């Protein structure tokens, strides 16, 4: 855990291996429920995926919330925003999608208004970087 917060990349293993937030772990979305089943429901957790257009962080947040987790956030800017801001990453970061512009266009989709989100600046503070 990075400074008492668990940062989870919910993308597939190959995408995670190419580029991820330094200190984050990979739990692909399809295995999230079974992997965190016995975790403390008070753990601080941030889930992220590729970028604002990727729905996986929102879906992961909803799944964790249904499981009873209380301190969860979705970082919707994802690895694309993090990487483009020059923040600490691990991996070669060679996949093409990492250099494409991203926007907040998908944020606020119907049914996602109750999702607690976190931005890069807030996440940096939580991670103490």
Protein backbone atom coordinates (compact mmCIF):
# COMPACT_ATOMS: atom_id res chain seq x y z
CA UNK A 1 0.00 0.00 0.00
CA UNK A 2 1.29 3.46 -0.91
CA UNK A 3 1.02 5.68 2.16
CA UNK A 4 -1.98 3.75 3.47
CA UNK A 5 -3.91 3.95 0.22
CA UNK A 6 -4.21 1.11 -2.28
CA UNK A 7 -4.13 2.25 -5.90
CA UNK A 8 -5.57 -0.34 -8.27
CA UNK A 9 -5.24 -0.44 -12.04
CA UNK A 10 -8.25 -2.42 -13.30
CA UNK A 11 -7.00 -2.90 -16.87
CA UNK A 12 -5.66 -6.18 -18.27
CA UNK A 13 -2.20 -7.43 -17.28
CA UNK A 14 -0.54 -6.51 -20.60
CA UNK A 15 -1.73 -2.90 -20.48
CA UNK A 16 -0.72 -2.61 -16.81
CA UNK A 17 2.74 -4.05 -17.56
CA UNK A 18 3.29 -1.47 -20.31
CA UNK A 19 2.50 1.56 -18.13
CA UNK A 20 1.00 2.11 -14.71
CA UNK A 21 1.07 4.56 -11.82
CA UNK A 22 4.18 3.84 -9.81
CA UNK A 23 3.17 1.96 -6.66
CA UNK A 24 -0.16 0.77 -8.02
CA UNK A 25 -1.16 -2.86 -8.29
CA UNK A 26 -3.01 -4.64 -11.07
CA UNK A 27 -6.32 -6.30 -10.41
CA UNK A 28 -8.08 -6.76 -13.76
CA UNK A 29 -11.73 -5.74 -13.53
CA UNK A 30 -12.98 -9.29 -14.12
CA UNK A 31 -11.11 -10.54 -11.02
CA UNK A 32 -11.70 -7.54 -8.76
CA UNK A 33 -14.51 -8.98 -6.65
CA UNK A 34 -12.79 -12.28 -5.89
CA UNK A 35 -9.42 -10.60 -5.22
CA UNK A 36 -10.65 -8.00 -2.70
CA UNK A 37 -13.39 -10.17 -1.18
CA UNK A 38 -11.63 -10.51 2.19
CA UNK A 39 -10.08 -7.01 2.34
CA UNK A 40 -10.97 -4.61 5.15
CA UNK A 41 -13.97 -2.58 3.97
CA UNK A 42 -12.42 0.57 5.49
CA UNK A 43 -9.29 0.41 3.30
CA UNK A 44 -8.63 3.54 1.26
CA UNK A 45 -8.78 2.52 -2.39
CA UNK A 46 -8.38 4.40 -5.66
CA UNK A 47 -9.28 2.57 -8.86
CA UNK A 48 -8.16 3.73 -12.29
CA UNK A 49 -8.09 2.60 -15.89
CA UNK A 50 -6.96 4.22 -19.15
CA UNK A 51 -8.59 7.65 -19.36
CA UNK A 52 -11.84 9.58 -19.05
CA UNK A 53 -13.40 7.62 -21.91
CA UNK A 54 -12.71 4.28 -20.25
CA UNK A 55 -15.66 3.21 -18.05
CA UNK A 56 -13.75 0.59 -16.04
CA UNK A 57 -12.77 2.85 -13.11
CA UNK A 58 -16.40 3.89 -12.64
CA UNK A 59 -17.59 0.29 -12.91
CA UNK A 60 -14.92 -0.86 -10.45
CA UNK A 61 -15.94 1.91 -8.01
CA UNK A 62 -19.57 0.80 -8.24
CA UNK A 63 -18.61 -2.84 -7.69
CA UNK A 64 -16.52 -1.99 -4.61
CA UNK A 65 -19.27 0.24 -3.23
CA UNK A 66 -21.82 -2.59 -3.62
CA UNK A 67 -19.38 -4.85 -1.75
CA UNK A 68 -19.45 -2.45 1.22
CA UNK A 69 -16.19 -0.56 0.76
CA UNK A 70 -16.44 2.94 2.24
CA UNK A 71 -13.24 4.85 1.32
CA UNK A 72 -13.09 4.47 -2.45
CA UNK A 73 -12.42 6.89 -5.29
CA UNK A 74 -12.27 6.59 -9.07
CA UNK A 75 -9.37 8.38 -10.74
CA UNK A 76 -11.00 8.87 -14.11
CA UNK A 77 -8.08 10.64 -15.80
CA UNK A 78 -6.35 7.27 -15.62
CA UNK A 79 -2.89 6.36 -16.73
CA UNK A 80 -3.13 8.59 -19.82
CA UNK A 81 -3.58 11.78 -17.81
CA UNK A 82 -1.05 10.68 -15.17
CA UNK A 83 1.56 9.86 -17.82
CA UNK A 84 0.92 13.05 -19.80
CA UNK A 85 1.34 15.13 -16.63
CA UNK A 86 4.81 13.62 -16.18
CA UNK A 87 3.92 11.96 -12.88
CA UNK A 88 5.72 8.80 -11.66
CA UNK A 89 5.00 5.76 -13.82
CA UNK A 90 6.45 2.28 -14.18
CA UNK A 91 6.88 0.36 -17.42
CA UNK A 92 7.98 1.30 -20.91
CA UNK A 93 4.84 3.37 -21.58
CA UNK A 94 5.05 2.55 -25.29
CA UNK A 95 1.39 1.94 -26.16
CA UNK A 96 0.00 4.44 -28.65
CA UNK A 97 -3.10 5.39 -26.63
CA UNK A 98 -0.87 7.05 -24.00
CA UNK A 99 -0.01 9.93 -26.34
CA UNK A 100 -3.56 10.68 -27.51
CA UNK A 101 -5.46 13.66 -26.11
CA UNK A 102 -8.07 12.87 -23.53
CA UNK A 103 -11.03 14.80 -22.18
CA UNK A 104 -13.62 14.64 -19.43
CA UNK A 105 -16.40 14.12 -21.99
CA UNK A 106 -17.53 10.76 -20.57
CA UNK A 107 -17.65 11.93 -16.96
CA UNK A 108 -21.16 12.50 -15.71
CA UNK A 109 -22.80 9.70 -17.67
CA UNK A 110 -26.23 8.77 -16.41
CA UNK A 111 -26.00 6.56 -13.34
CA UNK A 112 -22.49 7.67 -12.41
CA UNK A 113 -23.28 10.90 -10.59
CA UNK A 114 -22.83 9.33 -7.13
CA UNK A 115 -19.33 8.04 -7.85
CA UNK A 116 -16.71 9.68 -5.69
CA UNK A 117 -13.87 10.76 -7.92
CA UNK A 118 -10.38 12.04 -7.33
CA UNK A 119 -8.17 14.17 -9.57
CA UNK A 120 -4.45 13.85 -10.20
CA UNK A 121 -3.57 16.70 -7.82
CA UNK A 122 -5.55 15.17 -4.95
CA UNK A 123 -4.13 11.71 -5.67
CA UNK A 124 -0.58 13.08 -5.62
CA UNK A 125 -1.28 14.53 -2.16
CA UNK A 126 -2.67 11.22 -0.88
CA UNK A 127 0.40 9.45 -2.26
CA UNK A 128 2.68 12.12 -0.79
CA UNK A 129 4.53 12.78 -4.04
